[in-house]
N, C-alpha and C. Protein backbone atom coordinates (compact mmCIF):
# COMPACT_ATOMS: atom_id res chain seq x y z
N UNK A 1 71.46 58.00 92.67
CA UNK A 1 72.11 59.18 93.32
C UNK A 1 71.69 60.46 92.54
N UNK A 2 72.65 61.36 92.32
CA UNK A 2 72.28 62.70 91.74
C UNK A 2 72.79 62.79 90.38
N UNK A 3 72.18 63.80 89.62
CA UNK A 3 72.61 64.11 88.19
C UNK A 3 73.30 65.53 88.31
N UNK A 4 74.54 65.57 87.89
CA UNK A 4 75.18 66.89 87.81
C UNK A 4 75.49 67.36 86.38
N UNK A 5 75.17 68.57 86.05
CA UNK A 5 75.31 69.18 84.62
C UNK A 5 76.53 70.01 84.74
N UNK A 6 77.57 69.77 83.98
CA UNK A 6 78.84 70.61 83.99
C UNK A 6 78.83 71.42 82.75
N UNK A 7 79.00 72.74 82.90
CA UNK A 7 79.13 73.67 81.79
C UNK A 7 80.47 74.26 81.80
N UNK A 8 81.43 73.80 81.09
CA UNK A 8 82.79 74.27 81.19
C UNK A 8 83.50 74.04 79.78
N UNK A 9 84.17 75.02 79.36
CA UNK A 9 84.84 74.95 78.02
C UNK A 9 86.25 74.31 78.02
N UNK A 10 86.75 74.16 79.22
CA UNK A 10 88.04 73.50 79.35
C UNK A 10 87.79 72.00 79.49
N UNK A 11 87.94 71.26 78.34
CA UNK A 11 87.68 69.90 78.31
C UNK A 11 88.40 69.01 79.31
N UNK A 12 89.60 69.37 79.48
CA UNK A 12 90.42 68.63 80.46
C UNK A 12 89.90 68.82 81.90
N UNK A 13 89.53 69.97 82.30
CA UNK A 13 89.06 70.31 83.67
C UNK A 13 87.65 69.54 83.75
N UNK A 14 86.79 69.71 82.67
CA UNK A 14 85.51 69.15 82.76
C UNK A 14 85.57 67.65 82.95
N UNK A 15 86.63 66.91 82.26
CA UNK A 15 86.86 65.54 82.40
C UNK A 15 87.25 65.09 83.86
N UNK A 16 88.11 65.95 84.43
CA UNK A 16 88.70 65.62 85.80
C UNK A 16 87.49 65.71 86.75
N UNK A 17 86.64 66.80 86.63
CA UNK A 17 85.55 66.96 87.52
C UNK A 17 84.54 65.84 87.33
N UNK A 18 84.30 65.46 86.14
CA UNK A 18 83.24 64.44 85.72
C UNK A 18 83.74 63.11 86.50
N UNK A 19 85.05 62.75 86.40
CA UNK A 19 85.61 61.52 86.94
C UNK A 19 85.46 61.60 88.52
N UNK A 20 85.74 62.69 89.03
CA UNK A 20 85.64 62.88 90.46
C UNK A 20 84.19 62.80 90.93
N UNK A 21 83.24 63.46 90.34
CA UNK A 21 81.95 63.37 90.75
C UNK A 21 81.25 61.97 90.61
N UNK A 22 81.61 61.35 89.43
CA UNK A 22 81.05 60.08 89.20
C UNK A 22 81.60 58.98 90.16
N UNK A 23 82.81 59.23 90.74
CA UNK A 23 83.37 58.36 91.68
C UNK A 23 82.46 58.21 92.96
N UNK A 24 81.61 59.16 93.20
CA UNK A 24 80.67 58.99 94.35
C UNK A 24 79.44 58.24 93.95
N UNK A 25 79.34 57.85 92.68
CA UNK A 25 78.07 57.14 92.33
C UNK A 25 77.15 58.11 91.59
N UNK A 26 77.47 59.30 91.31
CA UNK A 26 76.53 60.21 90.64
C UNK A 26 76.60 60.14 89.10
N UNK A 27 75.65 60.66 88.39
CA UNK A 27 75.63 60.69 86.87
C UNK A 27 76.06 62.14 86.54
N UNK A 28 76.98 62.28 85.58
CA UNK A 28 77.42 63.63 85.17
C UNK A 28 77.20 63.74 83.58
N UNK A 29 76.77 64.94 83.20
CA UNK A 29 76.75 65.22 81.86
C UNK A 29 77.39 66.52 81.51
N UNK A 30 78.40 66.56 80.69
CA UNK A 30 79.08 67.82 80.27
C UNK A 30 78.43 68.37 78.97
N UNK A 31 78.12 69.75 79.17
CA UNK A 31 77.51 70.35 77.99
C UNK A 31 78.33 70.33 76.81
N UNK A 32 77.58 69.92 75.69
CA UNK A 32 78.42 69.66 74.41
C UNK A 32 78.23 70.98 73.50
N UNK A 33 77.14 71.66 73.53
CA UNK A 33 76.86 72.71 72.70
C UNK A 33 76.84 74.02 73.61
N UNK A 34 77.95 74.68 73.69
CA UNK A 34 78.07 75.92 74.60
C UNK A 34 77.39 77.08 74.04
N UNK A 35 76.99 77.01 72.76
CA UNK A 35 76.27 78.12 72.06
C UNK A 35 74.85 78.11 72.66
N UNK A 36 74.33 76.99 73.01
CA UNK A 36 72.95 76.91 73.55
C UNK A 36 72.84 75.66 74.41
N UNK A 37 73.07 75.88 75.74
CA UNK A 37 73.05 74.74 76.60
C UNK A 37 71.67 74.37 77.14
N UNK A 38 70.59 75.22 76.79
CA UNK A 38 69.37 74.86 77.48
C UNK A 38 68.66 73.53 77.03
N UNK A 39 68.79 73.19 75.70
CA UNK A 39 68.17 71.90 75.38
C UNK A 39 68.79 70.75 76.19
N UNK A 40 70.12 70.78 76.33
CA UNK A 40 70.74 69.74 77.14
C UNK A 40 70.38 69.83 78.64
N UNK A 41 70.28 71.04 79.19
CA UNK A 41 69.86 71.15 80.50
C UNK A 41 68.51 70.54 80.64
N UNK A 42 67.52 70.91 79.82
CA UNK A 42 66.13 70.37 79.93
C UNK A 42 66.15 68.94 79.71
N UNK A 43 66.82 68.39 78.78
CA UNK A 43 66.88 66.97 78.63
C UNK A 43 67.37 66.16 79.78
N UNK A 44 68.47 66.60 80.45
CA UNK A 44 69.21 65.94 81.42
C UNK A 44 68.56 66.12 82.82
N UNK A 45 67.81 67.30 82.92
CA UNK A 45 67.08 67.55 84.15
C UNK A 45 67.96 67.35 85.44
N UNK A 46 68.97 68.03 85.59
CA UNK A 46 69.94 67.79 86.67
C UNK A 46 69.54 68.21 88.04
N UNK A 47 70.23 67.68 89.10
CA UNK A 47 69.96 68.07 90.44
C UNK A 47 70.79 69.27 90.84
N UNK A 48 71.91 69.44 90.10
CA UNK A 48 72.83 70.58 90.39
C UNK A 48 73.65 70.94 89.14
N UNK A 49 73.99 72.21 88.98
CA UNK A 49 74.75 72.64 87.80
C UNK A 49 76.02 73.29 88.21
N UNK A 50 77.21 72.84 87.60
CA UNK A 50 78.46 73.47 87.81
C UNK A 50 78.63 74.37 86.46
N UNK A 51 78.72 75.73 86.74
CA UNK A 51 78.69 76.68 85.63
C UNK A 51 79.91 77.56 85.60
N UNK A 52 80.67 77.51 84.55
CA UNK A 52 81.86 78.34 84.48
C UNK A 52 81.38 79.80 84.06
N UNK A 53 82.03 80.77 84.54
CA UNK A 53 81.65 82.18 84.13
C UNK A 53 82.17 82.50 82.81
N UNK A 54 83.44 82.34 82.48
CA UNK A 54 83.98 82.64 81.16
C UNK A 54 83.78 81.56 80.20
N UNK A 55 82.85 81.74 79.32
CA UNK A 55 82.45 80.79 78.29
C UNK A 55 82.37 81.42 76.91
N UNK A 56 82.60 80.68 75.83
CA UNK A 56 82.40 81.21 74.52
C UNK A 56 81.00 81.58 74.23
N UNK A 57 80.67 82.43 73.33
CA UNK A 57 79.36 82.81 72.93
C UNK A 57 78.61 83.57 73.99
N UNK A 58 78.25 83.07 75.03
CA UNK A 58 77.59 83.68 76.18
C UNK A 58 78.13 83.25 77.50
N UNK A 59 78.31 84.24 78.42
CA UNK A 59 79.03 83.84 79.75
C UNK A 59 78.04 83.17 80.64
N UNK A 60 78.58 82.73 81.79
CA UNK A 60 77.86 81.87 82.73
C UNK A 60 76.73 82.71 83.40
N UNK A 61 76.82 84.03 83.51
CA UNK A 61 75.86 84.84 84.02
C UNK A 61 74.57 84.76 83.13
N UNK A 62 74.83 84.77 81.84
CA UNK A 62 73.60 84.69 80.89
C UNK A 62 72.94 83.32 81.13
N UNK A 63 73.70 82.24 81.14
CA UNK A 63 73.05 80.91 81.32
C UNK A 63 72.42 80.71 82.62
N UNK A 64 73.02 81.38 83.67
CA UNK A 64 72.32 81.28 84.99
C UNK A 64 70.89 81.92 84.97
N UNK A 65 70.85 83.04 84.29
CA UNK A 65 69.57 83.76 84.10
C UNK A 65 68.58 82.90 83.32
N UNK A 66 69.01 82.29 82.32
CA UNK A 66 68.16 81.40 81.48
C UNK A 66 67.63 80.30 82.33
N UNK A 67 68.63 79.59 83.08
CA UNK A 67 68.20 78.51 83.91
C UNK A 67 67.20 78.86 84.94
N UNK A 68 67.38 80.08 85.55
CA UNK A 68 66.44 80.60 86.63
C UNK A 68 65.07 80.81 86.16
N UNK A 69 64.98 80.98 84.84
CA UNK A 69 63.56 81.20 84.36
C UNK A 69 62.74 79.98 84.35
N UNK A 70 63.46 78.84 84.42
CA UNK A 70 62.68 77.51 84.35
C UNK A 70 62.94 76.67 85.49
N UNK A 71 63.93 76.91 86.36
CA UNK A 71 64.34 76.01 87.43
C UNK A 71 65.05 76.65 88.62
N UNK A 72 64.81 76.08 89.81
CA UNK A 72 65.48 76.58 91.03
C UNK A 72 66.64 75.61 91.33
N UNK A 73 67.12 74.80 90.44
CA UNK A 73 68.18 73.86 90.67
C UNK A 73 69.38 74.58 91.18
N UNK A 74 70.14 74.06 92.20
CA UNK A 74 71.35 74.74 92.71
C UNK A 74 72.38 74.96 91.63
N UNK A 75 73.01 76.10 91.66
CA UNK A 75 74.11 76.42 90.62
C UNK A 75 75.29 76.82 91.39
N UNK A 76 76.46 76.11 91.04
CA UNK A 76 77.73 76.49 91.66
C UNK A 76 78.57 77.05 90.53
N UNK A 77 78.95 78.33 90.68
CA UNK A 77 79.80 78.96 89.57
C UNK A 77 81.30 78.51 89.72
N UNK A 78 81.98 78.52 88.56
CA UNK A 78 83.37 78.37 88.63
C UNK A 78 84.15 79.49 87.87
N UNK A 79 85.27 79.97 88.35
CA UNK A 79 85.84 80.97 87.62
C UNK A 79 87.28 81.16 88.16
N UNK A 80 88.21 81.53 87.16
CA UNK A 80 89.59 81.90 87.57
C UNK A 80 89.60 83.34 88.07
N UNK A 81 88.60 84.15 87.78
CA UNK A 81 88.41 85.52 88.29
C UNK A 81 87.72 85.46 89.53
N UNK A 82 88.44 85.04 90.69
CA UNK A 82 87.80 84.75 91.93
C UNK A 82 87.82 86.02 92.82
N UNK A 83 87.75 87.31 92.21
CA UNK A 83 87.68 88.50 93.10
C UNK A 83 86.25 88.69 93.64
N UNK A 84 86.19 89.58 94.65
CA UNK A 84 84.91 89.79 95.27
C UNK A 84 83.81 90.18 94.35
N UNK A 85 84.17 91.05 93.35
CA UNK A 85 83.05 91.49 92.49
C UNK A 85 82.45 90.38 91.67
N UNK A 86 83.27 89.42 91.18
CA UNK A 86 82.75 88.28 90.52
C UNK A 86 81.89 87.30 91.44
N UNK A 87 82.32 87.16 92.58
CA UNK A 87 81.64 86.35 93.61
C UNK A 87 80.32 87.02 93.88
N UNK A 88 80.29 88.25 94.23
CA UNK A 88 79.02 88.95 94.48
C UNK A 88 78.06 88.91 93.30
N UNK A 89 78.58 89.17 92.04
CA UNK A 89 77.74 89.09 90.87
C UNK A 89 77.15 87.81 90.62
N UNK A 90 77.96 86.72 90.86
CA UNK A 90 77.48 85.37 90.72
C UNK A 90 76.37 85.11 91.58
N UNK A 91 76.40 85.48 92.86
CA UNK A 91 75.35 85.34 93.78
C UNK A 91 74.15 86.10 93.41
N UNK A 92 74.31 87.37 93.05
CA UNK A 92 73.22 88.22 92.61
C UNK A 92 72.41 87.68 91.46
N UNK A 93 73.20 87.12 90.51
CA UNK A 93 72.54 86.48 89.31
C UNK A 93 71.75 85.26 89.52
N UNK A 94 71.85 84.70 90.73
CA UNK A 94 71.04 83.51 91.02
C UNK A 94 71.89 82.31 91.38
N UNK A 95 73.25 82.47 91.47
CA UNK A 95 74.14 81.33 91.89
C UNK A 95 74.01 81.04 93.38
N UNK A 96 74.37 79.85 93.73
CA UNK A 96 74.26 79.45 95.17
C UNK A 96 75.62 79.33 95.80
N UNK A 97 76.63 79.12 95.07
CA UNK A 97 77.99 79.01 95.65
C UNK A 97 79.04 79.33 94.55
N UNK A 98 80.39 79.36 94.84
CA UNK A 98 81.37 79.80 94.03
C UNK A 98 82.62 79.00 94.33
N UNK A 99 83.23 78.43 93.32
CA UNK A 99 84.49 77.74 93.47
C UNK A 99 85.56 78.43 92.56
N UNK A 100 86.68 78.85 93.12
CA UNK A 100 87.75 79.51 92.32
C UNK A 100 88.51 78.43 91.59
N UNK A 101 89.06 78.94 90.41
CA UNK A 101 90.10 78.01 89.71
C UNK A 101 91.54 78.56 90.11
N UNK A 102 92.52 77.67 90.01
CA UNK A 102 92.46 76.24 89.73
C UNK A 102 91.53 75.50 90.73
N UNK A 103 90.76 74.55 90.33
CA UNK A 103 89.80 73.81 91.24
C UNK A 103 90.50 72.76 92.06
N UNK A 104 90.38 72.88 93.35
CA UNK A 104 90.79 71.88 94.33
C UNK A 104 89.69 70.83 94.46
N UNK A 105 90.11 69.64 94.12
CA UNK A 105 89.03 68.53 94.06
C UNK A 105 88.47 68.24 95.40
N UNK A 106 89.16 68.53 96.51
CA UNK A 106 88.67 68.23 97.86
C UNK A 106 87.56 69.33 98.07
N UNK A 107 87.90 70.63 97.70
CA UNK A 107 86.86 71.66 97.90
C UNK A 107 85.64 71.37 97.04
N UNK A 108 85.91 70.95 95.81
CA UNK A 108 84.78 70.58 94.78
C UNK A 108 83.85 69.51 95.45
N UNK A 109 84.49 68.49 95.99
CA UNK A 109 83.77 67.47 96.56
C UNK A 109 82.93 67.96 97.81
N UNK A 110 83.67 68.69 98.72
CA UNK A 110 82.86 69.23 99.92
C UNK A 110 81.75 70.19 99.57
N UNK A 111 81.98 70.91 98.61
CA UNK A 111 80.90 71.95 98.31
C UNK A 111 79.74 71.34 97.62
N UNK A 112 79.95 70.46 96.70
CA UNK A 112 78.93 69.78 96.02
C UNK A 112 78.11 68.87 96.95
N UNK A 113 78.69 68.13 97.73
CA UNK A 113 78.14 67.30 98.73
C UNK A 113 77.20 68.11 99.68
N UNK A 114 77.78 69.21 100.15
CA UNK A 114 77.08 70.10 101.08
C UNK A 114 75.81 70.72 100.40
N UNK A 115 75.96 71.19 99.21
CA UNK A 115 74.85 71.71 98.46
C UNK A 115 73.74 70.79 98.18
N UNK A 116 74.14 69.46 97.83
CA UNK A 116 73.12 68.45 97.58
C UNK A 116 72.44 68.07 98.87
N UNK A 117 73.18 67.97 100.02
CA UNK A 117 72.67 67.65 101.29
C UNK A 117 71.62 68.64 101.71
N UNK A 118 72.01 70.06 101.62
CA UNK A 118 71.11 71.01 102.02
C UNK A 118 69.82 71.05 101.20
N UNK A 119 70.03 70.82 99.85
CA UNK A 119 68.90 70.94 98.98
C UNK A 119 67.96 69.72 99.02
N UNK A 120 68.49 68.53 99.16
CA UNK A 120 67.70 67.32 98.93
C UNK A 120 67.58 66.46 100.24
N UNK A 121 68.46 66.55 101.10
CA UNK A 121 68.40 65.55 102.14
C UNK A 121 67.98 66.01 103.51
N UNK A 122 68.24 67.29 103.87
CA UNK A 122 67.97 67.81 105.24
C UNK A 122 66.54 67.92 105.51
N UNK A 123 66.16 68.02 106.81
CA UNK A 123 64.90 68.18 107.33
C UNK A 123 63.99 67.07 107.06
N UNK A 124 64.58 65.89 106.97
CA UNK A 124 63.77 64.69 106.75
C UNK A 124 62.99 64.69 105.48
N UNK A 125 63.55 65.35 104.51
CA UNK A 125 62.82 65.47 103.26
C UNK A 125 62.62 64.19 102.54
N UNK A 126 61.35 63.92 102.20
CA UNK A 126 60.91 62.70 101.56
C UNK A 126 61.39 62.63 100.11
N UNK A 127 61.96 61.53 99.69
CA UNK A 127 62.34 61.43 98.22
C UNK A 127 61.10 61.30 97.34
N UNK A 128 61.02 62.25 96.40
CA UNK A 128 59.81 62.28 95.62
C UNK A 128 60.24 62.56 94.12
N UNK A 129 59.28 62.23 93.19
CA UNK A 129 59.39 62.62 91.82
C UNK A 129 58.16 63.58 91.57
N UNK A 130 58.52 64.72 90.92
CA UNK A 130 57.42 65.65 90.63
C UNK A 130 57.27 65.95 89.10
N UNK A 131 56.13 65.82 88.62
CA UNK A 131 55.92 66.12 87.22
C UNK A 131 54.58 66.76 86.96
N UNK A 132 54.52 67.95 86.45
CA UNK A 132 53.26 68.66 86.21
C UNK A 132 52.42 68.78 87.42
N UNK A 133 53.11 68.93 88.60
CA UNK A 133 52.33 69.13 89.82
C UNK A 133 51.90 67.89 90.57
N UNK A 134 52.19 66.83 89.87
CA UNK A 134 51.93 65.50 90.58
C UNK A 134 53.11 65.05 91.19
N UNK A 135 52.92 64.65 92.50
CA UNK A 135 54.19 64.27 93.26
C UNK A 135 54.01 62.81 93.73
N UNK A 136 55.04 62.05 93.26
CA UNK A 136 55.02 60.63 93.64
C UNK A 136 55.98 60.39 94.76
N UNK A 137 55.48 59.89 95.88
CA UNK A 137 56.31 59.63 97.06
C UNK A 137 56.99 58.27 96.94
N UNK A 138 58.18 58.24 96.91
CA UNK A 138 58.98 57.01 96.70
C UNK A 138 59.13 56.16 98.03
N UNK A 139 58.62 56.72 99.17
CA UNK A 139 58.77 56.01 100.36
C UNK A 139 57.46 55.10 100.62
N UNK A 140 56.32 55.63 100.28
CA UNK A 140 55.07 55.04 100.57
C UNK A 140 54.13 54.68 99.41
N UNK A 141 54.71 54.92 98.27
CA UNK A 141 53.95 54.55 96.95
C UNK A 141 52.68 55.25 96.91
N UNK A 142 52.59 56.56 97.14
CA UNK A 142 51.40 57.33 96.92
C UNK A 142 51.67 58.46 95.92
N UNK A 143 50.61 58.90 95.26
CA UNK A 143 50.66 60.02 94.36
C UNK A 143 49.77 61.17 94.86
N UNK A 144 50.37 62.41 94.99
CA UNK A 144 49.64 63.47 95.42
C UNK A 144 49.36 64.55 94.28
N UNK A 145 48.18 65.06 94.20
CA UNK A 145 47.94 66.10 93.13
C UNK A 145 46.76 67.00 93.60
N UNK A 146 46.93 68.18 93.60
CA UNK A 146 45.92 69.17 93.89
C UNK A 146 45.16 68.87 95.23
N UNK A 147 45.98 68.55 96.25
CA UNK A 147 45.43 68.33 97.59
C UNK A 147 44.89 66.95 97.83
N UNK A 148 44.94 66.11 96.77
CA UNK A 148 44.39 64.74 96.90
C UNK A 148 45.62 63.70 96.77
N UNK A 149 45.34 62.60 97.38
CA UNK A 149 46.39 61.51 97.44
C UNK A 149 45.76 60.19 97.02
N UNK A 150 46.51 59.51 96.22
CA UNK A 150 46.15 58.17 95.65
C UNK A 150 47.03 57.07 96.31
N UNK A 151 46.49 56.01 96.76
CA UNK A 151 47.26 54.85 97.19
C UNK A 151 47.41 53.94 95.87
N UNK A 152 48.68 53.63 95.58
CA UNK A 152 48.96 52.86 94.43
C UNK A 152 49.47 51.46 94.69
N UNK A 153 49.00 50.53 93.79
CA UNK A 153 49.50 49.22 93.92
C UNK A 153 50.90 49.13 93.48
N UNK A 154 51.57 48.00 93.70
CA UNK A 154 52.93 47.84 93.34
C UNK A 154 53.16 48.11 91.87
N UNK A 155 52.32 47.55 91.04
CA UNK A 155 52.44 47.70 89.55
C UNK A 155 52.19 49.16 89.15
N UNK A 156 51.19 49.78 89.71
CA UNK A 156 50.92 51.11 89.39
C UNK A 156 52.01 52.06 89.80
N UNK A 157 52.58 51.80 90.97
CA UNK A 157 53.72 52.66 91.37
C UNK A 157 54.90 52.52 90.43
N UNK A 158 55.25 51.30 90.04
CA UNK A 158 56.37 50.99 89.22
C UNK A 158 56.11 51.65 87.82
N UNK A 159 54.91 51.57 87.29
CA UNK A 159 54.69 52.25 85.95
C UNK A 159 54.92 53.72 86.11
N UNK A 160 54.34 54.39 87.07
CA UNK A 160 54.47 55.79 87.27
C UNK A 160 55.84 56.21 87.58
N UNK A 161 56.59 55.45 88.34
CA UNK A 161 57.89 55.83 88.63
C UNK A 161 58.75 55.81 87.36
N UNK A 162 58.56 54.69 86.60
CA UNK A 162 59.32 54.64 85.40
C UNK A 162 59.16 55.75 84.43
N UNK A 163 57.84 56.08 84.24
CA UNK A 163 57.47 57.17 83.22
C UNK A 163 57.87 58.51 83.72
N UNK A 164 57.73 58.72 85.15
CA UNK A 164 58.12 60.11 85.65
C UNK A 164 59.71 60.25 85.68
N UNK A 165 60.47 59.23 85.78
CA UNK A 165 61.92 59.27 85.73
C UNK A 165 62.36 59.57 84.38
N UNK A 166 61.47 59.28 83.36
CA UNK A 166 61.77 59.44 81.97
C UNK A 166 60.93 60.50 81.34
N UNK A 167 60.58 61.54 82.08
CA UNK A 167 59.73 62.57 81.62
C UNK A 167 60.20 63.13 80.31
N UNK A 168 59.17 63.25 79.36
CA UNK A 168 59.48 63.69 77.99
C UNK A 168 60.03 62.66 77.10
N UNK A 169 60.20 61.39 77.55
CA UNK A 169 60.81 60.41 76.70
C UNK A 169 59.76 59.31 76.65
N UNK A 170 59.73 58.69 75.40
CA UNK A 170 58.86 57.45 75.23
C UNK A 170 59.52 56.31 75.90
N UNK A 171 58.71 55.66 76.73
CA UNK A 171 59.22 54.36 77.37
C UNK A 171 58.51 53.21 76.67
N UNK A 172 59.28 52.35 76.11
CA UNK A 172 58.69 51.23 75.36
C UNK A 172 57.89 50.33 76.29
N UNK A 173 57.04 49.61 75.64
CA UNK A 173 56.23 48.61 76.40
C UNK A 173 57.11 47.51 76.98
N UNK A 174 58.08 47.09 76.14
CA UNK A 174 59.05 46.07 76.69
C UNK A 174 59.84 46.53 77.87
N UNK A 175 60.25 47.73 77.95
CA UNK A 175 60.89 48.41 79.08
C UNK A 175 60.04 48.32 80.34
N UNK A 176 58.76 48.70 80.07
CA UNK A 176 57.88 48.71 81.23
C UNK A 176 57.67 47.28 81.73
N UNK A 177 57.48 46.38 80.86
CA UNK A 177 57.19 44.92 81.21
C UNK A 177 58.43 44.44 81.98
N UNK A 178 59.56 44.78 81.51
CA UNK A 178 60.77 44.26 82.24
C UNK A 178 60.86 44.93 83.63
N UNK A 179 60.42 46.16 83.79
CA UNK A 179 60.50 46.80 85.10
C UNK A 179 59.49 46.14 86.11
N UNK A 180 58.29 45.77 85.47
CA UNK A 180 57.29 45.30 86.30
C UNK A 180 57.36 43.75 86.75
N UNK A 181 57.83 43.00 85.69
CA UNK A 181 57.88 41.63 85.93
C UNK A 181 59.18 41.02 85.66
N UNK A 182 60.25 41.47 86.36
CA UNK A 182 61.59 41.03 86.07
C UNK A 182 61.85 39.60 86.26
N UNK A 183 61.08 38.91 87.19
CA UNK A 183 61.28 37.60 87.51
C UNK A 183 60.42 36.60 86.72
N UNK A 184 59.50 37.11 85.96
CA UNK A 184 58.63 36.24 85.20
C UNK A 184 59.27 35.96 83.79
N UNK A 185 59.28 34.63 83.37
CA UNK A 185 59.79 34.36 82.10
C UNK A 185 58.85 34.76 80.96
N UNK A 186 57.59 34.80 81.24
CA UNK A 186 56.61 35.21 80.32
C UNK A 186 55.32 35.86 80.81
N UNK A 187 55.03 37.00 80.20
CA UNK A 187 53.85 37.70 80.77
C UNK A 187 53.02 38.16 79.50
N UNK A 188 51.82 37.97 79.44
CA UNK A 188 50.99 38.44 78.32
C UNK A 188 51.12 39.87 78.13
N UNK A 189 51.25 40.39 76.94
CA UNK A 189 51.43 41.81 76.67
C UNK A 189 50.19 42.59 77.08
N UNK A 190 49.05 41.87 76.97
CA UNK A 190 47.70 42.57 77.37
C UNK A 190 47.69 42.91 78.83
N UNK A 191 48.53 42.23 79.68
CA UNK A 191 48.52 42.47 81.14
C UNK A 191 48.96 43.90 81.36
N UNK A 192 49.91 44.37 80.62
CA UNK A 192 50.51 45.73 80.74
C UNK A 192 49.33 46.73 80.39
N UNK A 193 48.70 46.45 79.37
CA UNK A 193 47.59 47.45 78.90
C UNK A 193 46.59 47.46 80.01
N UNK A 194 46.16 46.37 80.50
CA UNK A 194 45.16 46.33 81.71
C UNK A 194 45.66 47.23 82.83
N UNK A 195 46.96 47.06 83.28
CA UNK A 195 47.55 47.79 84.37
C UNK A 195 47.57 49.31 84.03
N UNK A 196 47.93 49.69 82.89
CA UNK A 196 47.97 51.13 82.55
C UNK A 196 46.61 51.74 82.48
N UNK A 197 45.60 51.04 81.90
CA UNK A 197 44.22 51.51 81.87
C UNK A 197 43.69 51.65 83.26
N UNK A 198 44.01 50.70 84.13
CA UNK A 198 43.54 50.82 85.52
C UNK A 198 44.16 52.13 86.27
N UNK A 199 45.42 52.28 85.96
CA UNK A 199 46.08 53.46 86.56
C UNK A 199 45.49 54.76 86.02
N UNK A 200 45.27 54.78 84.73
CA UNK A 200 44.68 56.04 84.18
C UNK A 200 43.26 56.36 84.85
N UNK A 201 42.44 55.40 85.09
CA UNK A 201 41.27 55.67 85.71
C UNK A 201 41.46 56.20 87.18
N UNK A 202 42.40 55.73 87.83
CA UNK A 202 42.74 56.26 89.12
C UNK A 202 43.22 57.68 89.13
N UNK A 203 44.09 58.03 88.06
CA UNK A 203 44.62 59.40 87.94
C UNK A 203 43.39 60.27 87.58
N UNK A 204 42.50 59.93 86.77
CA UNK A 204 41.42 60.71 86.42
C UNK A 204 40.53 61.16 87.58
N UNK A 205 40.54 60.26 88.62
CA UNK A 205 39.75 60.54 89.91
C UNK A 205 40.25 61.75 90.61
N UNK A 206 41.54 62.15 90.46
CA UNK A 206 42.09 63.30 91.09
C UNK A 206 42.47 64.42 90.16
N UNK A 207 41.83 64.32 88.94
CA UNK A 207 41.98 65.44 87.98
C UNK A 207 43.10 65.33 86.97
N UNK A 208 43.77 64.17 86.96
CA UNK A 208 44.90 63.97 86.04
C UNK A 208 44.61 63.24 84.76
N UNK A 209 43.64 63.84 84.06
CA UNK A 209 43.29 63.29 82.78
C UNK A 209 44.41 63.44 81.73
N UNK A 210 44.61 62.47 80.90
CA UNK A 210 45.67 62.55 79.88
C UNK A 210 47.01 62.60 80.44
N UNK A 211 47.34 62.26 81.70
CA UNK A 211 48.70 62.42 82.29
C UNK A 211 49.66 61.45 81.57
N UNK A 212 49.17 60.30 81.25
CA UNK A 212 50.00 59.26 80.54
C UNK A 212 49.48 59.17 79.05
N UNK A 213 50.28 59.47 78.17
CA UNK A 213 49.92 59.47 76.73
C UNK A 213 50.47 58.20 76.07
N UNK A 214 49.61 57.52 75.24
CA UNK A 214 50.11 56.35 74.41
C UNK A 214 50.63 56.84 73.11
N UNK A 215 51.84 56.24 72.87
CA UNK A 215 52.40 56.51 71.50
C UNK A 215 52.32 55.18 70.77
N UNK A 216 51.38 55.22 69.83
CA UNK A 216 50.98 53.88 69.17
C UNK A 216 52.24 53.25 68.48
N UNK A 217 52.44 51.98 68.86
CA UNK A 217 53.58 51.23 68.26
C UNK A 217 54.87 51.57 68.93
N UNK A 218 54.95 52.41 69.86
CA UNK A 218 56.18 52.78 70.60
C UNK A 218 56.15 52.57 72.09
N UNK A 219 55.13 53.07 72.78
CA UNK A 219 54.98 52.83 74.20
C UNK A 219 54.28 53.93 74.88
N UNK A 220 54.70 54.43 75.97
CA UNK A 220 54.00 55.56 76.76
C UNK A 220 54.96 56.67 77.20
N UNK A 221 54.35 57.77 77.40
CA UNK A 221 55.16 58.97 77.79
C UNK A 221 54.35 59.95 78.71
N UNK A 222 55.11 60.49 79.62
CA UNK A 222 54.55 61.66 80.37
C UNK A 222 55.23 62.92 79.94
N UNK A 223 54.55 63.86 79.36
CA UNK A 223 55.21 65.09 78.73
C UNK A 223 55.52 66.01 79.76
């Protein structure tokens, strides 16, 4: 499903929203360091941000501006100051919608679902993963980059999908082997190396040299 990032200093409200959103099958992360939310935002890589306006250290407008420097992810503002001036300012700062406090969970549900549907589901949008300009199509197991498209084998697709889902994180060889050969009781470790090397050669054909980095003794990573 989707990943939702909540930036809210009221722990009780954040917990209630988290429980509600997770009940639909989504993953939720509540910002822990309100003095600097950007490392957590980058690490979590959310599909949508719930952002309170009144925050300690820096307000929600500041963080909206920082997020907009690196991402077009949908942002829904939260505020007890639900006057027209705050709503207009929230939209002008790069927000996509506004929910007044106290938060009505039915309104919260409806607005988040509508935003996710408009952003990710409408117009027959194909589910994809994008990293560094490379786009992995999850429907037909192809990878597109710079106007070129690669047909991937089942194993090549699973390797790329796993690494792209964990962008910036080292994926261990054991994790990849489990993802590729879940039903086999034993697979030679060299088999994974052969598959990764074959995939790298394919990626080089469309200009993706060094797309997959080996971390010796640890695994592989797409930065």
